[in-house]
Amino acid sequence: MAKIKIVDELYIQAGPQIGFLLSAKDEFSSVGNSGEEDILENYNKIDFSANIGLGYQFISGLNFGARYNIGLSNINNLPDSSSLKNQNGVFQFSVGFRF
């Protein structure tokens, strides 16, 4: 991630991100039947994305940030669904302290 200061306390962030899928489960429940099914094979294991964000760091070290993650990869791996495209999109908020 690149971090560019706009003014002393305010900054923007941008850059690539790679994600790795470790687990995917579907929980189901109906009358007299419930359980959990592993659906890992329905998704691609690697996801490439781009991030863009904005943050503010106080002189005291306290900082706040917001970022949006734009999925670039099709994460769908279902058979016979070449026309179906699924991508991740994530808002992230952070609070931190730098010392």
PDB file of N, CA and C in Angstrom:
ATOM      1  N   MET A   1       0.843  -1.172   0.000  1.00  0.00           N
ATOM      2  CA  MET A   1       0.000   0.000   0.000  1.00  0.00           C
ATOM      3  C   MET A   1       0.893   1.242   0.000  1.00  0.00           C
ATOM      4  N   ALA A   2       0.529   2.180  -0.824  1.00  0.00           N
ATOM      5  CA  ALA A   2       1.199   3.477  -0.824  1.00  0.00           C
ATOM      6  C   ALA A   2       0.391   4.414   0.070  1.00  0.00           C
ATOM      7  N   LYS A   3       1.083   5.186   0.873  1.00  0.00           N
ATOM      8  CA  LYS A   3       0.438   6.148   1.776  1.00  0.00           C
ATOM      9  C   LYS A   3       0.971   7.522   1.416  1.00  0.00           C
ATOM     10  N   ILE A   4       0.070   8.398   0.985  1.00  0.00           N
ATOM     11  CA  ILE A   4       0.457   9.731   0.542  1.00  0.00           C
ATOM     12  C   ILE A   4      -0.205  10.760   1.445  1.00  0.00           C
ATOM     13  N   LYS A   5       0.611  11.622   2.066  1.00  0.00           N
ATOM     14  CA  LYS A   5       0.074  12.672   2.931  1.00  0.00           C
ATOM     15  C   LYS A   5      -0.469  13.806   2.084  1.00  0.00           C
ATOM     16  N   ILE A   6      -1.702  14.195   2.372  1.00  0.00           N
ATOM     17  CA  ILE A   6      -2.309  15.342   1.705  1.00  0.00           C
ATOM     18  C   ILE A   6      -1.913  16.604   2.461  1.00  0.00           C
ATOM     19  N   VAL A   7      -2.076  16.558   3.760  1.00  0.00           N
ATOM     20  CA  VAL A   7      -1.556  17.554   4.701  1.00  0.00           C
ATOM     21  C   VAL A   7      -0.916  16.756   5.833  1.00  0.00           C
ATOM     22  N   ASP A   8      -0.362  17.403   6.835  1.00  0.00           N
ATOM     23  CA  ASP A   8       0.371  16.695   7.883  1.00  0.00           C
ATOM     24  C   ASP A   8      -0.399  15.537   8.507  1.00  0.00           C
ATOM     25  N   GLU A   9      -1.671  15.694   8.767  1.00  0.00           N
ATOM     26  CA  GLU A   9      -2.440  14.657   9.460  1.00  0.00           C
ATOM     27  C   GLU A   9      -3.292  13.786   8.536  1.00  0.00           C
ATOM     28  N   LEU A  10      -3.667  14.290   7.376  1.00  0.00           N
ATOM     29  CA  LEU A  10      -4.583  13.602   6.466  1.00  0.00           C
ATOM     30  C   LEU A  10      -3.808  12.884   5.360  1.00  0.00           C
ATOM     31  N   TYR A  11      -4.174  11.624   5.091  1.00  0.00           N
ATOM     32  CA  TYR A  11      -3.479  10.860   4.065  1.00  0.00           C
ATOM     33  C   TYR A  11      -4.456   9.985   3.281  1.00  0.00           C
ATOM     34  N   ILE A  12      -4.018   9.611   2.077  1.00  0.00           N
ATOM     35  CA  ILE A  12      -4.756   8.634   1.272  1.00  0.00           C
ATOM     36  C   ILE A  12      -3.872   7.395   1.114  1.00  0.00           C
ATOM     37  N   GLN A  13      -4.520   6.265   0.865  1.00  0.00           N
ATOM     38  CA  GLN A  13      -3.811   5.010   0.656  1.00  0.00           C
ATOM     39  C   GLN A  13      -4.335   4.365  -0.622  1.00  0.00           C
ATOM     40  N   ALA A  14      -3.454   3.664  -1.322  1.00  0.00           N
ATOM     41  CA  ALA A  14      -3.869   2.919  -2.499  1.00  0.00           C
ATOM     42  C   ALA A  14      -2.860   1.807  -2.750  1.00  0.00           C
ATOM     43  N   GLY A  15      -3.365   0.701  -3.279  1.00  0.00           N
ATOM     44  CA  GLY A  15      -2.450  -0.381  -3.605  1.00  0.00           C
ATOM     45  C   GLY A  15      -3.150  -1.708  -3.775  1.00  0.00           C
ATOM     46  N   PRO A  16      -2.378  -2.717  -4.149  1.00  0.00           N
ATOM     47  CA  PRO A  16      -2.928  -4.050  -4.394  1.00  0.00           C
ATOM     48  C   PRO A  16      -3.060  -4.870  -3.114  1.00  0.00           C
ATOM     49  N   GLN A  17      -3.857  -5.919  -3.212  1.00  0.00           N
ATOM     50  CA  GLN A  17      -4.006  -6.853  -2.097  1.00  0.00           C
ATOM     51  C   GLN A  17      -4.264  -8.238  -2.672  1.00  0.00           C
ATOM     52  N   ILE A  18      -3.756  -9.256  -2.010  1.00  0.00           N
ATOM     53  CA  ILE A  18      -4.033 -10.631  -2.392  1.00  0.00           C
ATOM     54  C   ILE A  18      -4.650 -11.328  -1.187  1.00  0.00           C
ATOM     55  N   GLY A  19      -5.699 -12.092  -1.443  1.00  0.00           N
ATOM     56  CA  GLY A  19      -6.381 -12.812  -0.371  1.00  0.00           C
ATOM     57  C   GLY A  19      -6.385 -14.301  -0.652  1.00  0.00           C
ATOM     58  N   PHE A  20      -6.331 -15.095   0.419  1.00  0.00           N
ATOM     59  CA  PHE A  20      -6.325 -16.553   0.314  1.00  0.00           C
ATOM     60  C   PHE A  20      -7.522 -17.109   1.071  1.00  0.00           C
ATOM     61  N   LEU A  21      -8.357 -17.873   0.395  1.00  0.00           N
ATOM     62  CA  LEU A  21      -9.520 -18.491   1.020  1.00  0.00           C
ATOM     63  C   LEU A  21      -9.078 -19.731   1.784  1.00  0.00           C
ATOM     64  N   LEU A  22      -9.371 -19.761   3.073  1.00  0.00           N
ATOM     65  CA  LEU A  22      -8.994 -20.894   3.915  1.00  0.00           C
ATOM     66  C   LEU A  22     -10.163 -21.807   4.237  1.00  0.00           C
ATOM     67  N   SER A  23     -11.380 -21.257   4.265  1.00  0.00           N
ATOM     68  CA  SER A  23     -12.539 -22.045   4.645  1.00  0.00           C
ATOM     69  C   SER A  23     -13.798 -21.442   4.036  1.00  0.00           C
ATOM     70  N   ALA A  24     -14.749 -22.302   3.685  1.00  0.00           N
ATOM     71  CA  ALA A  24     -16.063 -21.854   3.202  1.00  0.00           C
ATOM     72  C   ALA A  24     -17.076 -22.919   3.604  1.00  0.00           C
ATOM     73  N   LYS A  25     -18.035 -22.528   4.419  1.00  0.00           N
ATOM     74  CA  LYS A  25     -19.032 -23.464   4.916  1.00  0.00           C
ATOM     75  C   LYS A  25     -20.425 -22.869   4.741  1.00  0.00           C
ATOM     76  N   ASP A  26     -21.395 -23.756   4.531  1.00  0.00           N
ATOM     77  CA  ASP A  26     -22.789 -23.361   4.413  1.00  0.00           C
ATOM     78  C   ASP A  26     -23.548 -24.023   5.555  1.00  0.00           C
ATOM     79  N   GLU A  27     -24.196 -23.210   6.382  1.00  0.00           N
ATOM     80  CA  GLU A  27     -25.024 -23.747   7.461  1.00  0.00           C
ATOM     81  C   GLU A  27     -26.469 -23.786   6.989  1.00  0.00           C
ATOM     82  N   PHE A  28     -27.141 -24.894   7.227  1.00  0.00           N
ATOM     83  CA  PHE A  28     -28.525 -25.019   6.796  1.00  0.00           C
ATOM     84  C   PHE A  28     -29.370 -25.568   7.940  1.00  0.00           C
ATOM     85  N   SER A  29     -30.645 -25.201   7.889  1.00  0.00           N
ATOM     86  CA  SER A  29     -31.588 -25.657   8.900  1.00  0.00           C
ATOM     87  C   SER A  29     -32.983 -25.712   8.287  1.00  0.00           C
ATOM     88  N   SER A  30     -33.640 -26.832   8.453  1.00  0.00           N
ATOM     89  CA  SER A  30     -35.022 -26.989   8.035  1.00  0.00           C
ATOM     90  C   SER A  30     -35.715 -27.863   9.080  1.00  0.00           C
ATOM     91  N   VAL A  31     -36.966 -28.124   8.908  1.00  0.00           N
ATOM     92  CA  VAL A  31     -37.730 -28.888   9.898  1.00  0.00           C
ATOM     93  C   VAL A  31     -37.093 -30.269  10.080  1.00  0.00           C
ATOM     94  N   GLY A  32     -36.572 -30.506  11.264  1.00  0.00           N
ATOM     95  CA  GLY A  32     -35.985 -31.796  11.589  1.00  0.00           C
ATOM     96  C   GLY A  32     -34.616 -32.064  10.990  1.00  0.00           C
ATOM     97  N   ASN A  33     -34.029 -31.100  10.297  1.00  0.00           N
ATOM     98  CA  ASN A  33     -32.735 -31.326   9.654  1.00  0.00           C
ATOM     99  C   ASN A  33     -31.906 -30.051   9.703  1.00  0.00           C
ATOM    100  N   SER A  34     -30.698 -30.146  10.205  1.00  0.00           N
ATOM    101  CA  SER A  34     -29.785 -29.009  10.202  1.00  0.00           C
ATOM    102  C   SER A  34     -28.365 -29.538  10.119  1.00  0.00           C
ATOM    103  N   GLY A  35     -27.472 -28.682   9.715  1.00  0.00           N
ATOM    104  CA  GLY A  35     -26.082 -29.106   9.620  1.00  0.00           C
ATOM    105  C   GLY A  35     -25.214 -28.064   8.957  1.00  0.00           C
ATOM    106  N   GLU A  36     -24.025 -28.520   8.586  1.00  0.00           N
ATOM    107  CA  GLU A  36     -23.029 -27.643   7.973  1.00  0.00           C
ATOM    108  C   GLU A  36     -22.359 -28.407   6.839  1.00  0.00           C
ATOM    109  N   GLU A  37     -22.138 -27.721   5.711  1.00  0.00           N
ATOM    110  CA  GLU A  37     -21.548 -28.351   4.545  1.00  0.00           C
ATOM    111  C   GLU A  37     -20.327 -27.554   4.109  1.00  0.00           C
ATOM    112  N   ASP A  38     -19.249 -28.245   3.793  1.00  0.00           N
ATOM    113  CA  ASP A  38     -18.040 -27.598   3.289  1.00  0.00           C
ATOM    114  C   ASP A  38     -18.246 -27.271   1.812  1.00  0.00           C
ATOM    115  N   ILE A  39     -18.144 -25.995   1.438  1.00  0.00           N
ATOM    116  CA  ILE A  39     -18.351 -25.568   0.050  1.00  0.00           C
ATOM    117  C   ILE A  39     -17.102 -24.891  -0.522  1.00  0.00           C
ATOM    118  N   LEU A  40     -15.947 -25.232   0.009  1.00  0.00           N
ATOM    119  CA  LEU A  40     -14.679 -24.632  -0.408  1.00  0.00           C
ATOM    120  C   LEU A  40     -14.429 -24.792  -1.908  1.00  0.00           C
ATOM    121  N   GLU A  41     -14.814 -25.937  -2.467  1.00  0.00           N
ATOM    122  CA  GLU A  41     -14.557 -26.196  -3.887  1.00  0.00           C
ATOM    123  C   GLU A  41     -15.378 -25.297  -4.817  1.00  0.00           C
ATOM    124  N   ASN A  42     -16.364 -24.590  -4.291  1.00  0.00           N
ATOM    125  CA  ASN A  42     -17.199 -23.694  -5.110  1.00  0.00           C
ATOM    126  C   ASN A  42     -16.545 -22.345  -5.380  1.00  0.00           C
ATOM    127  N   TYR A  43     -15.396 -22.078  -4.748  1.00  0.00           N
ATOM    128  CA  TYR A  43     -14.750 -20.772  -4.844  1.00  0.00           C
ATOM    129  C   TYR A  43     -13.279 -20.912  -5.212  1.00  0.00           C
ATOM    130  N   ASN A  44     -12.763 -19.936  -5.945  1.00  0.00           N
ATOM    131  CA  ASN A  44     -11.333 -19.886  -6.214  1.00  0.00           C
ATOM    132  C   ASN A  44     -10.605 -19.550  -4.923  1.00  0.00           C
ATOM    133  N   LYS A  45      -9.434 -20.105  -4.744  1.00  0.00           N
ATOM    134  CA  LYS A  45      -8.702 -19.963  -3.476  1.00  0.00           C
ATOM    135  C   LYS A  45      -7.934 -18.650  -3.360  1.00  0.00           C
ATOM    136  N   ILE A  46      -7.675 -17.978  -4.493  1.00  0.00           N
ATOM    137  CA  ILE A  46      -6.899 -16.740  -4.484  1.00  0.00           C
ATOM    138  C   ILE A  46      -7.758 -15.610  -5.050  1.00  0.00           C
ATOM    139  N   ASP A  47      -7.700 -14.453  -4.386  1.00  0.00           N
ATOM    140  CA  ASP A  47      -8.480 -13.282  -4.789  1.00  0.00           C
ATOM    141  C   ASP A  47      -7.549 -12.078  -4.881  1.00  0.00           C
ATOM    142  N   PHE A  48      -7.491 -11.456  -6.045  1.00  0.00           N
ATOM    143  CA  PHE A  48      -6.713 -10.232  -6.237  1.00  0.00           C
ATOM    144  C   PHE A  48      -7.663  -9.044  -6.151  1.00  0.00           C
ATOM    145  N   SER A  49      -7.202  -7.984  -5.502  1.00  0.00           N
ATOM    146  CA  SER A  49      -8.050  -6.800  -5.350  1.00  0.00           C
ATOM    147  C   SER A  49      -7.198  -5.538  -5.274  1.00  0.00           C
ATOM    148  N   ALA A  50      -7.867  -4.401  -5.355  1.00  0.00           N
ATOM    149  CA  ALA A  50      -7.232  -3.093  -5.232  1.00  0.00           C
ATOM    150  C   ALA A  50      -7.888  -2.361  -4.073  1.00  0.00           C
ATOM    151  N   ASN A  51      -7.094  -1.632  -3.318  1.00  0.00           N
ATOM    152  CA  ASN A  51      -7.591  -0.875  -2.169  1.00  0.00           C
ATOM    153  C   ASN A  51      -7.406   0.612  -2.386  1.00  0.00           C
ATOM    154  N   ILE A  52      -8.342   1.374  -1.861  1.00  0.00           N
ATOM    155  CA  ILE A  52      -8.208   2.822  -1.813  1.00  0.00           C
ATOM    156  C   ILE A  52      -8.787   3.267  -0.479  1.00  0.00           C
ATOM    157  N   GLY A  53      -8.096   4.197   0.179  1.00  0.00           N
ATOM    158  CA  GLY A  53      -8.551   4.593   1.507  1.00  0.00           C
ATOM    159  C   GLY A  53      -8.146   6.002   1.875  1.00  0.00           C
ATOM    160  N   LEU A  54      -8.678   6.431   3.006  1.00  0.00           N
ATOM    161  CA  LEU A  54      -8.449   7.762   3.539  1.00  0.00           C
ATOM    162  C   LEU A  54      -8.264   7.632   5.045  1.00  0.00           C
ATOM    163  N   GLY A  55      -7.323   8.376   5.592  1.00  0.00           N
ATOM    164  CA  GLY A  55      -7.085   8.297   7.029  1.00  0.00           C
ATOM    165  C   GLY A  55      -6.663   9.618   7.628  1.00  0.00           C
ATOM    166  N   TYR A  56      -6.767   9.677   8.952  1.00  0.00           N
ATOM    167  CA  TYR A  56      -6.380  10.882   9.680  1.00  0.00           C
ATOM    168  C   TYR A  56      -5.615  10.450  10.922  1.00  0.00           C
ATOM    169  N   GLN A  57      -4.424  11.038  11.109  1.00  0.00           N
ATOM    170  CA  GLN A  57      -3.614  10.731  12.281  1.00  0.00           C
ATOM    171  C   GLN A  57      -3.404  11.994  13.104  1.00  0.00           C
ATOM    172  N   PHE A  58      -3.861  11.930  14.353  1.00  0.00           N
ATOM    173  CA  PHE A  58      -3.684  13.048  15.274  1.00  0.00           C
ATOM    174  C   PHE A  58      -2.237  13.115  15.757  1.00  0.00           C
ATOM    175  N   ILE A  59      -1.815  14.269  16.212  1.00  0.00           N
ATOM    176  CA  ILE A  59      -0.463  14.450  16.731  1.00  0.00           C
ATOM    177  C   ILE A  59      -0.206  13.517  17.919  1.00  0.00           C
ATOM    178  N   SER A  60      -1.243  13.203  18.678  1.00  0.00           N
ATOM    179  CA  SER A  60      -1.114  12.328  19.843  1.00  0.00           C
ATOM    180  C   SER A  60      -0.783  10.879  19.450  1.00  0.00           C
ATOM    181  N   GLY A  61      -0.985  10.504  18.182  1.00  0.00           N
ATOM    182  CA  GLY A  61      -0.736   9.147  17.725  1.00  0.00           C
ATOM    183  C   GLY A  61      -2.011   8.386  17.389  1.00  0.00           C
ATOM    184  N   LEU A  62      -3.139   8.856  17.887  1.00  0.00           N
ATOM    185  CA  LEU A  62      -4.424   8.243  17.585  1.00  0.00           C
ATOM    186  C   LEU A  62      -4.742   8.440  16.103  1.00  0.00           C
ATOM    187  N   ASN A  63      -5.219   7.380  15.432  1.00  0.00           N
ATOM    188  CA  ASN A  63      -5.553   7.520  14.014  1.00  0.00           C
ATOM    189  C   ASN A  63      -6.819   6.755  13.665  1.00  0.00           C
ATOM    190  N   PHE A  64      -7.496   7.247  12.636  1.00  0.00           N
ATOM    191  CA  PHE A  64      -8.719   6.656  12.112  1.00  0.00           C
ATOM    192  C   PHE A  64      -8.552   6.472  10.607  1.00  0.00           C
ATOM    193  N   GLY A  65      -9.142   5.421  10.080  1.00  0.00           N
ATOM    194  CA  GLY A  65      -9.043   5.192   8.645  1.00  0.00           C
ATOM    195  C   GLY A  65     -10.263   4.479   8.101  1.00  0.00           C
ATOM    196  N   ALA A  66     -10.484   4.657   6.823  1.00  0.00           N
ATOM    197  CA  ALA A  66     -11.547   3.947   6.092  1.00  0.00           C
ATOM    198  C   ALA A  66     -10.964   3.554   4.745  1.00  0.00           C
ATOM    199  N   ARG A  67     -11.291   2.338   4.325  1.00  0.00           N
ATOM    200  CA  ARG A  67     -10.724   1.814   3.084  1.00  0.00           C
ATOM    201  C   ARG A  67     -11.792   0.999   2.367  1.00  0.00           C
ATOM    202  N   TYR A  68     -11.742   1.020   1.035  1.00  0.00           N
ATOM    203  CA  TYR A  68     -12.614   0.158   0.234  1.00  0.00           C
ATOM    204  C   TYR A  68     -11.743  -0.794  -0.568  1.00  0.00           C
ATOM    205  N   ASN A  69     -12.093  -2.053  -0.516  1.00  0.00           N
ATOM    206  CA  ASN A  69     -11.390  -3.124  -1.218  1.00  0.00           C
ATOM    207  C   ASN A  69     -12.240  -3.505  -2.433  1.00  0.00           C
ATOM    208  N   ILE A  70     -11.695  -3.325  -3.627  1.00  0.00           N
ATOM    209  CA  ILE A  70     -12.396  -3.600  -4.876  1.00  0.00           C
ATOM    210  C   ILE A  70     -11.890  -4.931  -5.431  1.00  0.00           C
ATOM    211  N   GLY A  71     -12.734  -5.952  -5.428  1.00  0.00           N
ATOM    212  CA  GLY A  71     -12.343  -7.263  -5.949  1.00  0.00           C
ATOM    213  C   GLY A  71     -12.125  -7.222  -7.449  1.00  0.00           C
ATOM    214  N   LEU A  72     -11.005  -7.764  -7.897  1.00  0.00           N
ATOM    215  CA  LEU A  72     -10.683  -7.804  -9.320  1.00  0.00           C
ATOM    216  C   LEU A  72     -10.852  -9.200  -9.904  1.00  0.00           C
ATOM    217  N   SER A  73     -10.834 -10.215  -9.055  1.00  0.00           N
ATOM    218  CA  SER A  73     -10.917 -11.610  -9.496  1.00  0.00           C
ATOM    219  C   SER A  73     -12.339 -12.137  -9.414  1.00  0.00           C
ATOM    220  N   ASN A  74     -12.659 -13.037 -10.314  1.00  0.00           N
ATOM    221  CA  ASN A  74     -13.917 -13.775 -10.230  1.00  0.00           C
ATOM    222  C   ASN A  74     -13.691 -14.908  -9.231  1.00  0.00           C
ATOM    223  N   ILE A  75     -14.379 -14.883  -8.111  1.00  0.00           N
ATOM    224  CA  ILE A  75     -14.171 -15.903  -7.079  1.00  0.00           C
ATOM    225  C   ILE A  75     -15.046 -17.131  -7.291  1.00  0.00           C
ATOM    226  N   ASN A  76     -15.944 -17.091  -8.262  1.00  0.00           N
ATOM    227  CA  ASN A  76     -16.859 -18.200  -8.530  1.00  0.00           C
ATOM    228  C   ASN A  76     -16.113 -19.371  -9.185  1.00  0.00           C
ATOM    229  N   ASN A  77     -16.300 -20.561  -8.659  1.00  0.00           N
ATOM    230  CA  ASN A  77     -15.693 -21.763  -9.233  1.00  0.00           C
ATOM    231  C   ASN A  77     -16.736 -22.872  -9.387  1.00  0.00           C
ATOM    232  N   LEU A  78     -17.993 -22.495  -9.548  1.00  0.00           N
ATOM    233  CA  LEU A  78     -19.059 -23.479  -9.713  1.00  0.00           C
ATOM    234  C   LEU A  78     -19.011 -24.071 -11.112  1.00  0.00           C
ATOM    235  N   PRO A  79     -19.278 -25.390 -11.236  1.00  0.00           N
ATOM    236  CA  PRO A  79     -19.285 -25.993 -12.575  1.00  0.00           C
ATOM    237  C   PRO A  79     -20.435 -25.439 -13.421  1.00  0.00           C
ATOM    238  N   ASP A  80     -20.213 -25.331 -14.715  1.00  0.00           N
ATOM    239  CA  ASP A  80     -21.224 -24.876 -15.680  1.00  0.00           C
ATOM    240  C   ASP A  80     -21.760 -23.478 -15.376  1.00  0.00           C
ATOM    241  N   SER A  81     -20.901 -22.602 -14.880  1.00  0.00           N
ATOM    242  CA  SER A  81     -21.357 -21.229 -14.580  1.00  0.00           C
ATOM    243  C   SER A  81     -20.348 -20.214 -15.102  1.00  0.00           C
ATOM    244  N   SER A  82     -19.869 -20.410 -16.307  1.00  0.00           N
ATOM    245  CA  SER A  82     -18.855 -19.517 -16.862  1.00  0.00           C
ATOM    246  C   SER A  82     -19.361 -18.086 -17.030  1.00  0.00           C
ATOM    247  N   SER A  83     -20.662 -17.888 -17.134  1.00  0.00           N
ATOM    248  CA  SER A  83     -21.211 -16.539 -17.297  1.00  0.00           C
ATOM    249  C   SER A  83     -21.478 -15.856 -15.952  1.00  0.00           C
ATOM    250  N   LEU A  84     -21.419 -16.607 -14.861  1.00  0.00           N
ATOM    251  CA  LEU A  84     -21.664 -16.057 -13.533  1.00  0.00           C
ATOM    252  C   LEU A  84     -20.367 -15.533 -12.952  1.00  0.00           C
ATOM    253  N   LYS A  85     -20.352 -14.239 -12.614  1.00  0.00           N
ATOM    254  CA  LYS A  85     -19.144 -13.618 -12.093  1.00  0.00           C
ATOM    255  C   LYS A  85     -19.432 -13.048 -10.706  1.00  0.00           C
ATOM    256  N   ASN A  86     -18.656 -13.481  -9.719  1.00  0.00           N
ATOM    257  CA  ASN A  86     -18.767 -12.964  -8.354  1.00  0.00           C
ATOM    258  C   ASN A  86     -17.447 -12.328  -7.960  1.00  0.00           C
ATOM    259  N   GLN A  87     -17.525 -11.143  -7.350  1.00  0.00           N
ATOM    260  CA  GLN A  87     -16.332 -10.437  -6.880  1.00  0.00           C
ATOM    261  C   GLN A  87     -16.592  -9.935  -5.469  1.00  0.00           C
ATOM    262  N   ASN A  88     -15.516  -9.839  -4.700  1.00  0.00           N
ATOM    263  CA  ASN A  88     -15.614  -9.296  -3.349  1.00  0.00           C
ATOM    264  C   ASN A  88     -15.613  -7.776  -3.388  1.00  0.00           C
ATOM    265  N   GLY A  89     -16.284  -7.184  -2.433  1.00  0.00           N
ATOM    266  CA  GLY A  89     -16.251  -5.748  -2.206  1.00  0.00           C
ATOM    267  C   GLY A  89     -16.353  -5.531  -0.699  1.00  0.00           C
ATOM    268  N   VAL A  90     -15.366  -4.873  -0.112  1.00  0.00           N
ATOM    269  CA  VAL A  90     -15.293  -4.794   1.344  1.00  0.00           C
ATOM    270  C   VAL A  90     -14.994  -3.365   1.796  1.00  0.00           C
ATOM    271  N   PHE A  91     -15.785  -2.876   2.768  1.00  0.00           N
ATOM    272  CA  PHE A  91     -15.453  -1.637   3.464  1.00  0.00           C
ATOM    273  C   PHE A  91     -14.711  -2.006   4.734  1.00  0.00           C
ATOM    274  N   GLN A  92     -13.619  -1.301   5.009  1.00  0.00           N
ATOM    275  CA  GLN A  92     -12.842  -1.550   6.218  1.00  0.00           C
ATOM    276  C   GLN A  92     -12.699  -0.235   6.974  1.00  0.00           C
ATOM    277  N   PHE A  93     -12.879  -0.309   8.280  1.00  0.00           N
ATOM    278  CA  PHE A  93     -12.695   0.848   9.150  1.00  0.00           C
ATOM    279  C   PHE A  93     -11.665   0.493  10.206  1.00  0.00           C
ATOM    280  N   SER A  94     -10.811   1.440  10.556  1.00  0.00           N
ATOM    281  CA  SER A  94      -9.764   1.143  11.542  1.00  0.00           C
ATOM    282  C   SER A  94      -9.602   2.284  12.529  1.00  0.00           C
ATOM    283  N   VAL A  95      -9.188   1.902  13.707  1.00  0.00           N
ATOM    284  CA  VAL A  95      -8.798   2.836  14.765  1.00  0.00           C
ATOM    285  C   VAL A  95      -7.476   2.301  15.310  1.00  0.00           C
ATOM    286  N   GLY A  96      -6.502   3.167  15.464  1.00  0.00           N
ATOM    287  CA  GLY A  96      -5.214   2.717  15.946  1.00  0.00           C
ATOM    288  C   GLY A  96      -4.485   3.769  16.737  1.00  0.00           C
ATOM    289  N   PHE A  97      -3.351   3.355  17.253  1.00  0.00           N
ATOM    290  CA  PHE A  97      -2.501   4.276  17.990  1.00  0.00           C
ATOM    291  C   PHE A  97      -1.067   4.017  17.591  1.00  0.00           C
ATOM    292  N   ARG A  98      -0.400   5.059  17.149  1.00  0.00           N
ATOM    293  CA  ARG A  98       1.010   4.959  16.724  1.00  0.00           C
ATOM    294  C   ARG A  98       1.887   5.594  17.784  1.00  0.00           C
ATOM    295  N   PHE A  99       2.874   4.829  18.194  1.00  0.00           N
ATOM    296  CA  PHE A  99       3.785   5.380  19.224  1.00  0.00           C
ATOM    297  C   PHE A  99       5.221   5.102  18.872  1.00  0.00           C
TER     298      PHE A  99
END
